[in-house]
Amino acid sequence: MGTRRFILLLSTAVGLFVPVAAVMATDRWRGITPFEQTYRVANPRDAVIETHILDPDGGPLYVLVCRTCLDDSTELIYGCDLDCHLLFDGFEEYEGNLLSDLEGDAAWHSRGRVEAKELCGPCGDYPEYGRVRHFRMRGIQLTLEFQDVVFQEGTCPSAELDPVLESYSLKVTATNEPGAVLEMPEAPEYMRPRHFPEDCRSVARRHE
């Protein structure tokens, strides 16, 4: 049995991925070397972003991998229009995502999965589900910020056509956040819009 298959089988058995135990045994949480980088995506259909997040000593800790559902270079499942997975660094890319809403959820069940309609018009301004998304967990805060978003002409806004991305930039920021003690991202205080763009016009908090 190859290493890749062995890892995937363990992923199914324990819910997330076998390196979790090894990493958690080191300490809780180690923190990171703060990081900020902006990536320009001129062709969203071919978007591939890979960012390594280092521990305080400069060693590998996490890797953020963003792909689209059109990416045929991997057998792993990614969503459209961009799907970002946070993984433990130092391993072959695997089916898992530390950005998932709940431990054991499918890798694409996270706010790291972004659809064009979520960036269009009032939906782009909707907190935590639009152009700016924060993920607080494991002693860090990871922020994904979409900038300079351009849509194909006539698709945003449109009453008949779904928004289609023409280009954008993605700013990735990672900082230390000692108050973020959960293994998985804290639930945002805002409800996810269900209907686009209707539900984006008023922001609903979870306690309302």
N, C-alpha and C. Protein backbone atom coordinates (compact mmCIF):
# COMPACT_ATOMS: atom_id res chain seq x y z
N MET A 1 0.85 -1.19 0.00
CA MET A 1 0.00 0.00 0.00
C MET A 1 0.89 1.24 0.00
N GLY A 2 0.68 2.17 -0.94
CA GLY A 2 1.51 3.35 -1.03
C GLY A 2 1.17 4.35 0.06
N THR A 3 2.10 5.30 0.27
CA THR A 3 1.91 6.29 1.32
C THR A 3 0.64 7.10 1.11
N ARG A 4 0.37 7.49 -0.14
CA ARG A 4 -0.80 8.31 -0.43
C ARG A 4 -2.08 7.58 -0.06
N ARG A 5 -2.18 6.28 -0.43
CA ARG A 5 -3.39 5.52 -0.13
C ARG A 5 -3.52 5.31 1.38
N PHE A 6 -2.43 5.07 2.06
CA PHE A 6 -2.44 4.87 3.50
C PHE A 6 -2.97 6.11 4.21
N ILE A 7 -2.53 7.28 3.77
CA ILE A 7 -2.97 8.53 4.37
C ILE A 7 -4.46 8.73 4.17
N LEU A 8 -4.95 8.46 2.95
CA LEU A 8 -6.36 8.67 2.67
C LEU A 8 -7.23 7.71 3.47
N LEU A 9 -6.79 6.48 3.66
CA LEU A 9 -7.58 5.54 4.46
C LEU A 9 -7.67 6.00 5.91
N LEU A 10 -6.58 6.50 6.45
CA LEU A 10 -6.61 7.00 7.81
C LEU A 10 -7.48 8.24 7.91
N SER A 11 -7.49 9.05 6.86
CA SER A 11 -8.35 10.22 6.86
C SER A 11 -9.80 9.81 7.02
N THR A 12 -10.21 8.76 6.32
CA THR A 12 -11.58 8.29 6.43
C THR A 12 -11.87 7.77 7.82
N ALA A 13 -10.90 7.10 8.43
CA ALA A 13 -11.13 6.45 9.71
C ALA A 13 -11.23 7.44 10.86
N VAL A 14 -10.40 8.48 10.86
CA VAL A 14 -10.36 9.36 12.02
C VAL A 14 -11.01 10.71 11.77
N GLY A 15 -11.49 10.95 10.55
CA GLY A 15 -12.26 12.15 10.31
C GLY A 15 -11.49 13.26 9.66
N LEU A 16 -10.27 13.53 10.08
CA LEU A 16 -9.55 14.64 9.47
C LEU A 16 -8.31 14.14 8.77
N PHE A 17 -7.25 13.82 9.53
CA PHE A 17 -6.02 13.37 8.89
C PHE A 17 -5.05 12.94 9.96
N VAL A 18 -4.26 11.94 9.65
CA VAL A 18 -3.38 11.35 10.66
C VAL A 18 -2.37 12.32 11.25
N PRO A 19 -1.81 13.33 10.52
CA PRO A 19 -0.84 14.20 11.17
C PRO A 19 -1.41 15.04 12.30
N VAL A 20 -2.74 15.12 12.48
CA VAL A 20 -3.31 15.94 13.54
C VAL A 20 -2.70 15.57 14.88
N ALA A 21 -2.67 14.28 15.21
CA ALA A 21 -2.16 13.85 16.50
C ALA A 21 -0.70 14.22 16.68
N ALA A 22 0.07 14.03 15.60
CA ALA A 22 1.50 14.32 15.69
C ALA A 22 1.74 15.80 15.93
N VAL A 23 0.96 16.65 15.22
CA VAL A 23 1.17 18.09 15.37
C VAL A 23 0.69 18.57 16.73
N MET A 24 -0.48 18.06 17.18
CA MET A 24 -1.02 18.51 18.44
C MET A 24 -0.13 18.09 19.61
N ALA A 25 0.58 16.97 19.43
CA ALA A 25 1.44 16.50 20.50
C ALA A 25 2.65 17.40 20.70
N THR A 26 2.99 18.20 19.70
CA THR A 26 4.16 19.07 19.78
C THR A 26 3.95 20.17 20.82
N ASP A 27 2.95 20.99 20.62
CA ASP A 27 2.44 21.90 21.63
C ASP A 27 1.19 22.57 21.08
N ARG A 28 0.50 23.34 21.90
CA ARG A 28 -0.82 23.84 21.56
C ARG A 28 -0.92 25.30 21.96
N TRP A 29 -0.89 26.26 21.12
CA TRP A 29 -0.51 26.12 19.71
C TRP A 29 0.82 26.82 19.55
N ARG A 30 1.63 26.46 18.59
CA ARG A 30 3.00 26.99 18.50
C ARG A 30 3.04 28.42 18.02
N GLY A 31 2.05 28.85 17.29
CA GLY A 31 2.13 30.14 16.64
C GLY A 31 2.82 30.03 15.29
N ILE A 32 2.95 31.14 14.61
CA ILE A 32 3.50 31.15 13.24
C ILE A 32 4.43 32.34 13.05
N THR A 33 5.12 32.33 11.94
CA THR A 33 5.81 33.52 11.46
C THR A 33 4.81 34.34 10.67
N PRO A 34 4.45 35.55 11.10
CA PRO A 34 3.43 36.33 10.39
C PRO A 34 3.77 36.45 8.91
N PHE A 35 2.70 36.47 8.10
CA PHE A 35 2.88 36.37 6.65
C PHE A 35 1.82 37.21 5.95
N GLU A 36 2.21 37.85 4.84
CA GLU A 36 1.27 38.57 3.99
C GLU A 36 1.76 38.53 2.55
N GLN A 37 0.88 38.16 1.65
CA GLN A 37 1.25 38.09 0.23
C GLN A 37 0.00 38.27 -0.61
N THR A 38 0.13 38.99 -1.71
CA THR A 38 -0.98 39.19 -2.65
C THR A 38 -0.66 38.48 -3.95
N TYR A 39 -1.62 37.71 -4.44
CA TYR A 39 -1.47 36.93 -5.66
C TYR A 39 -2.44 37.46 -6.71
N ARG A 40 -1.90 37.77 -7.89
CA ARG A 40 -2.74 38.25 -8.98
C ARG A 40 -3.18 37.07 -9.83
N VAL A 41 -4.47 36.95 -10.07
CA VAL A 41 -5.03 35.85 -10.86
C VAL A 41 -5.62 36.45 -12.14
N ALA A 42 -4.90 36.30 -13.23
CA ALA A 42 -5.34 36.87 -14.51
C ALA A 42 -6.32 35.98 -15.23
N ASN A 43 -6.27 34.67 -14.96
CA ASN A 43 -7.19 33.72 -15.58
C ASN A 43 -7.79 32.84 -14.49
N PRO A 44 -8.96 33.21 -13.96
CA PRO A 44 -9.54 32.47 -12.83
C PRO A 44 -9.79 30.99 -13.12
N ARG A 45 -9.97 30.62 -14.36
CA ARG A 45 -10.21 29.20 -14.66
C ARG A 45 -8.99 28.34 -14.34
N ASP A 46 -7.81 28.94 -14.39
CA ASP A 46 -6.57 28.20 -14.17
C ASP A 46 -5.90 28.56 -12.85
N ALA A 47 -6.65 29.15 -11.93
CA ALA A 47 -6.05 29.65 -10.69
C ALA A 47 -5.47 28.51 -9.85
N VAL A 48 -4.21 28.67 -9.45
CA VAL A 48 -3.56 27.78 -8.50
C VAL A 48 -2.70 28.66 -7.60
N ILE A 49 -2.98 28.62 -6.30
CA ILE A 49 -2.24 29.42 -5.33
C ILE A 49 -1.73 28.49 -4.24
N GLU A 50 -0.46 28.59 -3.91
CA GLU A 50 0.11 27.77 -2.84
C GLU A 50 0.96 28.66 -1.94
N THR A 51 0.61 28.70 -0.67
CA THR A 51 1.29 29.56 0.29
C THR A 51 1.72 28.74 1.49
N HIS A 52 3.00 28.81 1.85
CA HIS A 52 3.50 28.09 3.00
C HIS A 52 3.54 29.01 4.22
N ILE A 53 2.97 28.54 5.31
CA ILE A 53 2.93 29.28 6.56
C ILE A 53 3.89 28.60 7.52
N LEU A 54 4.87 29.35 8.01
CA LEU A 54 5.96 28.78 8.79
C LEU A 54 5.72 28.92 10.29
N ASP A 55 6.36 28.04 11.05
CA ASP A 55 6.29 28.14 12.50
C ASP A 55 7.21 29.27 12.98
N PRO A 56 7.24 29.58 14.28
CA PRO A 56 8.06 30.72 14.74
C PRO A 56 9.55 30.57 14.45
N ASP A 57 10.02 29.34 14.24
CA ASP A 57 11.43 29.11 13.96
C ASP A 57 11.73 29.06 12.46
N GLY A 58 10.71 29.30 11.64
CA GLY A 58 10.91 29.28 10.20
C GLY A 58 10.76 27.92 9.57
N GLY A 59 10.27 26.94 10.33
CA GLY A 59 10.06 25.60 9.80
C GLY A 59 8.67 25.45 9.21
N PRO A 60 8.46 24.43 8.39
CA PRO A 60 7.15 24.23 7.76
C PRO A 60 6.08 23.87 8.77
N LEU A 61 4.90 24.46 8.65
CA LEU A 61 3.81 24.17 9.57
C LEU A 61 2.52 23.90 8.79
N TYR A 62 2.05 24.90 8.05
CA TYR A 62 0.84 24.74 7.24
C TYR A 62 1.13 25.15 5.80
N VAL A 63 0.28 24.68 4.90
CA VAL A 63 0.32 25.14 3.52
C VAL A 63 -1.12 25.41 3.09
N LEU A 64 -1.33 26.57 2.48
CA LEU A 64 -2.63 26.94 1.94
C LEU A 64 -2.60 26.67 0.44
N VAL A 65 -3.49 25.79 0.00
CA VAL A 65 -3.58 25.43 -1.42
C VAL A 65 -4.95 25.83 -1.94
N CYS A 66 -4.98 26.64 -2.99
CA CYS A 66 -6.23 27.09 -3.60
C CYS A 66 -6.26 26.64 -5.06
N ARG A 67 -7.34 25.96 -5.44
CA ARG A 67 -7.54 25.49 -6.81
C ARG A 67 -8.99 25.70 -7.20
N THR A 68 -9.31 25.39 -8.45
CA THR A 68 -10.68 25.45 -8.93
C THR A 68 -11.17 24.03 -9.25
N CYS A 69 -12.46 23.92 -9.50
CA CYS A 69 -13.02 22.61 -9.85
C CYS A 69 -12.60 22.15 -11.24
N LEU A 70 -11.98 23.05 -12.00
CA LEU A 70 -11.52 22.70 -13.36
C LEU A 70 -10.09 22.18 -13.37
N ASP A 71 -9.45 22.16 -12.21
CA ASP A 71 -8.05 21.73 -12.12
C ASP A 71 -7.97 20.21 -12.26
N ASP A 72 -7.39 19.76 -13.36
CA ASP A 72 -7.27 18.31 -13.59
C ASP A 72 -5.87 17.79 -13.26
N SER A 73 -5.08 18.61 -12.55
CA SER A 73 -3.73 18.18 -12.18
C SER A 73 -3.74 17.36 -10.89
N THR A 74 -4.90 17.25 -10.25
CA THR A 74 -5.01 16.49 -9.00
C THR A 74 -6.28 15.67 -9.01
N GLU A 75 -6.26 14.55 -8.30
CA GLU A 75 -7.45 13.72 -8.16
C GLU A 75 -8.32 14.18 -7.00
N LEU A 76 -7.84 15.13 -6.22
CA LEU A 76 -8.60 15.63 -5.09
C LEU A 76 -9.72 16.54 -5.56
N ILE A 77 -10.73 16.68 -4.73
CA ILE A 77 -11.92 17.45 -5.11
C ILE A 77 -11.78 18.89 -4.62
N TYR A 78 -11.86 19.82 -5.55
CA TYR A 78 -11.90 21.25 -5.24
C TYR A 78 -13.16 21.84 -5.85
N GLY A 79 -13.69 22.87 -5.22
CA GLY A 79 -14.90 23.50 -5.71
C GLY A 79 -14.61 24.72 -6.56
N CYS A 80 -15.64 25.19 -7.24
CA CYS A 80 -15.53 26.42 -8.03
C CYS A 80 -16.11 27.57 -7.20
N ASP A 81 -15.71 28.80 -7.44
CA ASP A 81 -14.77 29.21 -8.47
C ASP A 81 -13.33 29.22 -7.96
N LEU A 82 -13.17 29.18 -6.64
CA LEU A 82 -11.86 28.99 -6.02
C LEU A 82 -12.10 28.31 -4.68
N ASP A 83 -11.29 27.32 -4.39
CA ASP A 83 -11.47 26.55 -3.16
C ASP A 83 -10.12 26.46 -2.46
N CYS A 84 -10.03 27.07 -1.28
CA CYS A 84 -8.77 27.12 -0.54
C CYS A 84 -8.80 26.12 0.61
N HIS A 85 -7.79 25.25 0.67
CA HIS A 85 -7.65 24.25 1.73
C HIS A 85 -6.39 24.56 2.53
N LEU A 86 -6.52 24.56 3.84
CA LEU A 86 -5.36 24.70 4.72
C LEU A 86 -4.97 23.30 5.19
N LEU A 87 -3.73 22.92 4.92
CA LEU A 87 -3.24 21.57 5.20
C LEU A 87 -1.99 21.64 6.07
N PHE A 88 -1.64 20.52 6.68
CA PHE A 88 -0.35 20.43 7.35
C PHE A 88 0.74 20.32 6.29
N ASP A 89 1.79 21.09 6.46
CA ASP A 89 2.88 21.10 5.49
C ASP A 89 3.77 19.88 5.69
N GLY A 90 4.49 19.54 4.63
CA GLY A 90 5.43 18.44 4.71
C GLY A 90 4.88 17.12 4.27
N PHE A 91 3.63 17.10 3.77
CA PHE A 91 3.01 15.87 3.30
C PHE A 91 2.52 16.08 1.87
N GLU A 92 2.35 14.98 1.15
CA GLU A 92 1.73 15.07 -0.16
C GLU A 92 0.32 15.63 0.00
N GLU A 93 -0.10 16.45 -0.95
CA GLU A 93 -1.44 17.06 -0.88
C GLU A 93 -2.49 15.97 -0.66
N TYR A 94 -3.37 16.21 0.32
CA TYR A 94 -4.31 15.17 0.72
C TYR A 94 -5.72 15.74 0.84
N GLU A 95 -6.69 14.83 0.98
CA GLU A 95 -8.09 15.21 1.12
C GLU A 95 -8.35 15.62 2.56
N GLY A 96 -8.43 16.90 2.79
CA GLY A 96 -8.65 17.43 4.13
C GLY A 96 -8.63 18.93 4.07
N ASN A 97 -9.06 19.58 5.15
CA ASN A 97 -9.08 21.02 5.15
C ASN A 97 -9.27 21.53 6.57
N LEU A 98 -8.26 22.20 7.11
CA LEU A 98 -8.37 22.76 8.44
C LEU A 98 -9.29 23.97 8.49
N LEU A 99 -9.76 24.42 7.32
CA LEU A 99 -10.72 25.53 7.26
C LEU A 99 -12.16 25.04 7.27
N SER A 100 -12.36 23.72 7.30
CA SER A 100 -13.72 23.19 7.27
C SER A 100 -14.53 23.71 8.45
N ASP A 101 -15.83 23.82 8.25
CA ASP A 101 -16.71 24.37 9.28
C ASP A 101 -16.70 23.51 10.54
N LEU A 102 -16.65 22.19 10.37
CA LEU A 102 -16.64 21.27 11.50
C LEU A 102 -15.64 20.16 11.22
N GLU A 103 -15.00 19.65 12.26
CA GLU A 103 -14.06 18.55 12.10
C GLU A 103 -14.78 17.35 11.51
N GLY A 104 -14.21 16.76 10.47
CA GLY A 104 -14.82 15.62 9.80
C GLY A 104 -15.68 16.01 8.62
N ASP A 105 -15.96 17.32 8.45
CA ASP A 105 -16.71 17.76 7.28
C ASP A 105 -15.91 17.52 6.02
N ALA A 106 -16.61 17.42 4.89
CA ALA A 106 -15.93 17.35 3.61
C ALA A 106 -15.07 18.61 3.43
N ALA A 107 -13.95 18.44 2.71
CA ALA A 107 -12.97 19.53 2.59
C ALA A 107 -13.56 20.80 2.00
N TRP A 108 -14.59 20.66 1.16
CA TRP A 108 -15.14 21.83 0.49
C TRP A 108 -16.24 22.51 1.31
N HIS A 109 -16.57 21.98 2.48
CA HIS A 109 -17.56 22.61 3.35
C HIS A 109 -16.87 23.65 4.22
N SER A 110 -16.52 24.75 3.63
CA SER A 110 -15.82 25.80 4.38
C SER A 110 -16.01 27.13 3.66
N ARG A 111 -15.73 28.20 4.39
CA ARG A 111 -15.77 29.52 3.76
C ARG A 111 -14.55 29.76 2.89
N GLY A 112 -13.63 28.77 2.86
CA GLY A 112 -12.52 28.84 1.93
C GLY A 112 -12.93 28.54 0.50
N ARG A 113 -14.12 28.00 0.34
CA ARG A 113 -14.67 27.77 -1.00
C ARG A 113 -15.46 29.01 -1.41
N VAL A 114 -15.09 29.57 -2.54
CA VAL A 114 -15.63 30.87 -2.97
C VAL A 114 -16.24 30.73 -4.35
N GLU A 115 -17.47 31.22 -4.48
CA GLU A 115 -18.14 31.26 -5.78
C GLU A 115 -18.23 32.70 -6.26
N ALA A 116 -18.23 32.88 -7.57
CA ALA A 116 -18.24 34.23 -8.14
C ALA A 116 -19.42 35.05 -7.62
N LYS A 117 -20.57 34.42 -7.45
CA LYS A 117 -21.76 35.16 -7.01
C LYS A 117 -21.57 35.75 -5.61
N GLU A 118 -20.67 35.17 -4.82
CA GLU A 118 -20.43 35.68 -3.47
C GLU A 118 -19.56 36.93 -3.47
N LEU A 119 -18.96 37.25 -4.60
CA LEU A 119 -18.09 38.42 -4.72
C LEU A 119 -18.76 39.56 -5.48
N CYS A 120 -19.96 39.33 -5.97
CA CYS A 120 -20.64 40.27 -6.86
C CYS A 120 -21.59 41.17 -6.08
N GLY A 121 -21.55 42.47 -6.38
CA GLY A 121 -22.51 43.42 -5.83
C GLY A 121 -22.54 43.42 -4.31
N PRO A 122 -23.75 43.48 -3.72
CA PRO A 122 -23.85 43.52 -2.25
C PRO A 122 -23.32 42.26 -1.58
N CYS A 123 -23.28 41.16 -2.28
CA CYS A 123 -22.75 39.92 -1.68
C CYS A 123 -21.26 40.04 -1.40
N GLY A 124 -20.56 40.81 -2.22
CA GLY A 124 -19.14 41.00 -1.99
C GLY A 124 -18.85 41.74 -0.69
N ASP A 125 -19.82 42.57 -0.26
CA ASP A 125 -19.64 43.34 0.97
C ASP A 125 -20.13 42.60 2.21
N TYR A 126 -20.77 41.46 2.02
CA TYR A 126 -21.35 40.73 3.15
C TYR A 126 -20.20 40.19 4.02
N PRO A 127 -20.23 40.48 5.33
CA PRO A 127 -19.10 40.09 6.18
C PRO A 127 -18.92 38.58 6.29
N GLU A 128 -17.68 38.16 6.14
CA GLU A 128 -17.20 36.77 6.32
C GLU A 128 -17.64 35.79 5.23
N TYR A 129 -18.53 36.22 4.34
CA TYR A 129 -18.94 35.36 3.23
C TYR A 129 -18.77 36.04 1.88
N GLY A 130 -18.16 37.22 1.90
CA GLY A 130 -17.96 37.99 0.67
C GLY A 130 -16.49 38.05 0.30
N ARG A 131 -16.02 39.27 0.03
CA ARG A 131 -14.65 39.43 -0.45
C ARG A 131 -13.61 39.27 0.66
N VAL A 132 -14.01 39.46 1.93
CA VAL A 132 -13.07 39.36 3.05
C VAL A 132 -13.55 38.29 4.02
N ARG A 133 -12.67 37.33 4.33
CA ARG A 133 -13.03 36.20 5.20
C ARG A 133 -11.90 35.95 6.19
N HIS A 134 -12.27 35.88 7.45
CA HIS A 134 -11.29 35.62 8.52
C HIS A 134 -11.52 34.23 9.08
N PHE A 135 -10.44 33.56 9.38
CA PHE A 135 -10.48 32.23 9.99
C PHE A 135 -9.61 32.26 11.24
N ARG A 136 -10.25 32.15 12.40
CA ARG A 136 -9.55 32.16 13.68
C ARG A 136 -9.51 30.75 14.24
N MET A 137 -8.30 30.22 14.46
CA MET A 137 -8.15 28.86 14.97
C MET A 137 -6.68 28.62 15.26
N ARG A 138 -6.39 27.63 16.11
CA ARG A 138 -5.03 27.14 16.31
C ARG A 138 -4.02 28.25 16.63
N GLY A 139 -4.48 29.27 17.33
CA GLY A 139 -3.59 30.35 17.71
C GLY A 139 -3.23 31.32 16.61
N ILE A 140 -3.98 31.28 15.50
CA ILE A 140 -3.69 32.17 14.37
C ILE A 140 -4.98 32.77 13.84
N GLN A 141 -4.84 33.79 13.03
CA GLN A 141 -5.93 34.29 12.20
C GLN A 141 -5.44 34.33 10.76
N LEU A 142 -6.17 33.63 9.90
CA LEU A 142 -5.89 33.62 8.48
C LEU A 142 -6.96 34.45 7.79
N THR A 143 -6.54 35.40 6.96
CA THR A 143 -7.48 36.27 6.26
C THR A 143 -7.30 36.12 4.75
N LEU A 144 -8.42 35.89 4.07
CA LEU A 144 -8.46 35.87 2.61
C LEU A 144 -9.24 37.09 2.16
N GLU A 145 -8.59 37.92 1.35
CA GLU A 145 -9.23 39.16 0.88
C GLU A 145 -9.12 39.25 -0.64
N PHE A 146 -10.27 39.26 -1.30
CA PHE A 146 -10.31 39.39 -2.75
C PHE A 146 -10.33 40.88 -3.11
N GLN A 147 -9.39 41.26 -3.97
CA GLN A 147 -9.24 42.66 -4.36
C GLN A 147 -9.29 42.78 -5.88
N ASP A 148 -9.63 43.98 -6.34
CA ASP A 148 -9.61 44.29 -7.78
C ASP A 148 -10.37 43.22 -8.57
N VAL A 149 -11.55 42.87 -8.09
CA VAL A 149 -12.34 41.82 -8.73
C VAL A 149 -13.01 42.37 -9.99
N VAL A 150 -12.78 41.68 -11.11
CA VAL A 150 -13.37 42.07 -12.39
C VAL A 150 -14.20 40.90 -12.91
N PHE A 151 -15.43 41.21 -13.35
CA PHE A 151 -16.32 40.18 -13.89
C PHE A 151 -16.43 40.34 -15.40
N GLN A 152 -16.74 39.24 -16.06
CA GLN A 152 -17.00 39.32 -17.49
C GLN A 152 -18.17 40.28 -17.73
N GLU A 153 -18.06 41.06 -18.77
CA GLU A 153 -19.04 42.11 -19.04
C GLU A 153 -20.46 41.55 -19.10
N GLY A 154 -21.33 42.22 -18.39
CA GLY A 154 -22.74 41.86 -18.43
C GLY A 154 -23.16 40.77 -17.48
N THR A 155 -22.21 40.26 -16.65
CA THR A 155 -22.57 39.15 -15.75
C THR A 155 -22.71 39.58 -14.30
N CYS A 156 -22.28 40.79 -13.95
CA CYS A 156 -22.40 41.27 -12.58
C CYS A 156 -22.59 42.78 -12.59
N PRO A 157 -23.80 43.24 -12.27
CA PRO A 157 -24.98 42.43 -11.94
C PRO A 157 -25.71 42.01 -13.22
N SER A 158 -26.49 40.95 -13.07
CA SER A 158 -27.32 40.49 -14.18
C SER A 158 -28.50 39.71 -13.62
N ALA A 159 -29.67 39.96 -14.18
CA ALA A 159 -30.87 39.24 -13.74
C ALA A 159 -30.98 37.88 -14.42
N GLU A 160 -30.18 37.66 -15.46
CA GLU A 160 -30.31 36.43 -16.24
C GLU A 160 -29.06 35.56 -16.21
N LEU A 161 -27.88 36.17 -16.04
CA LEU A 161 -26.63 35.43 -16.13
C LEU A 161 -25.98 35.30 -14.76
N ASP A 162 -25.33 34.17 -14.53
CA ASP A 162 -24.53 34.02 -13.32
C ASP A 162 -23.24 34.82 -13.47
N PRO A 163 -22.76 35.42 -12.38
CA PRO A 163 -21.50 36.16 -12.45
C PRO A 163 -20.35 35.25 -12.89
N VAL A 164 -19.48 35.79 -13.75
CA VAL A 164 -18.31 35.06 -14.24
C VAL A 164 -17.08 35.92 -13.98
N LEU A 165 -16.11 35.36 -13.28
CA LEU A 165 -14.91 36.11 -12.95
C LEU A 165 -14.01 36.29 -14.17
N GLU A 166 -13.48 37.50 -14.31
CA GLU A 166 -12.52 37.81 -15.37
C GLU A 166 -11.10 37.84 -14.81
N SER A 167 -10.94 38.42 -13.63
CA SER A 167 -9.64 38.48 -12.96
C SER A 167 -9.85 38.97 -11.54
N TYR A 168 -8.83 38.78 -10.70
CA TYR A 168 -8.89 39.27 -9.32
C TYR A 168 -7.50 39.11 -8.70
N SER A 169 -7.35 39.71 -7.53
CA SER A 169 -6.17 39.47 -6.69
C SER A 169 -6.65 38.88 -5.38
N LEU A 170 -5.84 38.00 -4.81
CA LEU A 170 -6.14 37.41 -3.51
C LEU A 170 -5.01 37.76 -2.56
N LYS A 171 -5.37 38.51 -1.52
CA LYS A 171 -4.41 38.86 -0.48
C LYS A 171 -4.56 37.86 0.67
N VAL A 172 -3.47 37.20 1.03
CA VAL A 172 -3.46 36.20 2.10
C VAL A 172 -2.64 36.76 3.25
N THR A 173 -3.25 36.84 4.42
CA THR A 173 -2.56 37.34 5.61
C THR A 173 -2.70 36.32 6.73
N ALA A 174 -1.61 36.03 7.41
CA ALA A 174 -1.64 35.12 8.55
C ALA A 174 -0.93 35.80 9.72
N THR A 175 -1.61 35.89 10.86
CA THR A 175 -1.06 36.53 12.05
C THR A 175 -1.28 35.63 13.26
N ASN A 176 -0.55 35.89 14.32
CA ASN A 176 -0.75 35.16 15.56
C ASN A 176 -1.97 35.71 16.29
N GLU A 177 -2.76 34.82 16.84
CA GLU A 177 -3.99 35.19 17.55
C GLU A 177 -4.15 34.25 18.75
N PRO A 178 -3.49 34.57 19.88
CA PRO A 178 -3.50 33.66 21.03
C PRO A 178 -4.89 33.31 21.53
N GLY A 179 -5.87 34.19 21.31
CA GLY A 179 -7.21 33.92 21.78
C GLY A 179 -7.98 32.92 20.95
N ALA A 180 -7.43 32.54 19.80
CA ALA A 180 -8.09 31.56 18.92
C ALA A 180 -7.64 30.17 19.34
N VAL A 181 -8.41 29.52 20.20
CA VAL A 181 -7.96 28.28 20.83
C VAL A 181 -8.58 27.03 20.22
N LEU A 182 -9.54 27.18 19.31
CA LEU A 182 -10.20 26.01 18.74
C LEU A 182 -9.35 25.39 17.63
N GLU A 183 -9.56 24.08 17.43
CA GLU A 183 -8.85 23.39 16.35
C GLU A 183 -9.38 23.78 14.99
N MET A 184 -10.70 23.96 14.89
CA MET A 184 -11.34 24.35 13.64
C MET A 184 -11.75 25.82 13.74
N PRO A 185 -12.03 26.47 12.62
CA PRO A 185 -12.34 27.90 12.66
C PRO A 185 -13.55 28.22 13.54
N GLU A 186 -13.45 29.32 14.27
CA GLU A 186 -14.59 29.80 15.03
C GLU A 186 -15.73 30.14 14.07
N ALA A 187 -16.94 29.87 14.49
CA ALA A 187 -18.11 30.20 13.66
C ALA A 187 -18.24 31.72 13.59
N PRO A 188 -18.39 32.29 12.41
CA PRO A 188 -18.58 33.74 12.32
C PRO A 188 -19.90 34.15 12.97
N GLU A 189 -19.99 35.41 13.38
CA GLU A 189 -21.21 35.87 14.04
C GLU A 189 -22.32 36.18 13.05
N TYR A 190 -22.05 35.99 11.76
CA TYR A 190 -23.05 36.29 10.73
C TYR A 190 -23.56 35.01 10.09
N MET A 191 -24.82 35.04 9.69
CA MET A 191 -25.42 33.91 9.00
C MET A 191 -25.00 33.92 7.53
N ARG A 192 -24.84 32.74 6.98
CA ARG A 192 -24.50 32.62 5.57
C ARG A 192 -25.72 32.94 4.71
N PRO A 193 -25.58 33.82 3.71
CA PRO A 193 -26.70 34.08 2.80
C PRO A 193 -27.10 32.81 2.05
N ARG A 194 -28.39 32.57 1.91
CA ARG A 194 -28.85 31.39 1.20
C ARG A 194 -29.29 31.69 -0.22
N HIS A 195 -29.76 32.90 -0.44
CA HIS A 195 -30.24 33.28 -1.76
C HIS A 195 -29.45 34.50 -2.23
N PHE A 196 -28.89 34.39 -3.42
CA PHE A 196 -28.04 35.46 -3.97
C PHE A 196 -28.76 36.13 -5.14
N PRO A 197 -28.79 37.47 -5.17
CA PRO A 197 -28.19 38.38 -4.17
C PRO A 197 -29.17 38.86 -3.10
N GLU A 198 -30.39 38.31 -3.07
CA GLU A 198 -31.43 38.85 -2.20
C GLU A 198 -31.00 38.91 -0.73
N ASP A 199 -30.44 37.82 -0.21
CA ASP A 199 -30.10 37.76 1.21
C ASP A 199 -28.89 38.61 1.56
N CYS A 200 -28.18 39.11 0.56
CA CYS A 200 -26.97 39.90 0.83
C CYS A 200 -27.28 41.34 1.17
N ARG A 201 -28.50 41.77 0.92
CA ARG A 201 -28.84 43.18 1.09
C ARG A 201 -29.03 43.56 2.54
N SER A 202 -29.22 42.59 3.40
CA SER A 202 -29.27 42.86 4.85
C SER A 202 -28.45 41.81 5.57
N VAL A 203 -27.62 42.23 6.49
CA VAL A 203 -26.72 41.34 7.19
C VAL A 203 -27.44 40.74 8.40
N ALA A 204 -27.45 39.40 8.48
CA ALA A 204 -28.12 38.71 9.58
C ALA A 204 -27.07 38.13 10.52
N ARG A 205 -27.19 38.47 11.80
CA ARG A 205 -26.31 37.92 12.82
C ARG A 205 -26.91 36.62 13.37
N ARG A 206 -26.07 35.77 13.90
CA ARG A 206 -26.54 34.46 14.37
C ARG A 206 -27.53 34.56 15.52
N HIS A 207 -27.41 35.55 16.35
CA HIS A 207 -28.28 35.65 17.52
C HIS A 207 -29.61 36.32 17.21
N GLU A 208 -29.78 36.80 15.97
CA GLU A 208 -31.03 37.50 15.62
C GLU A 208 -32.09 36.49 15.23
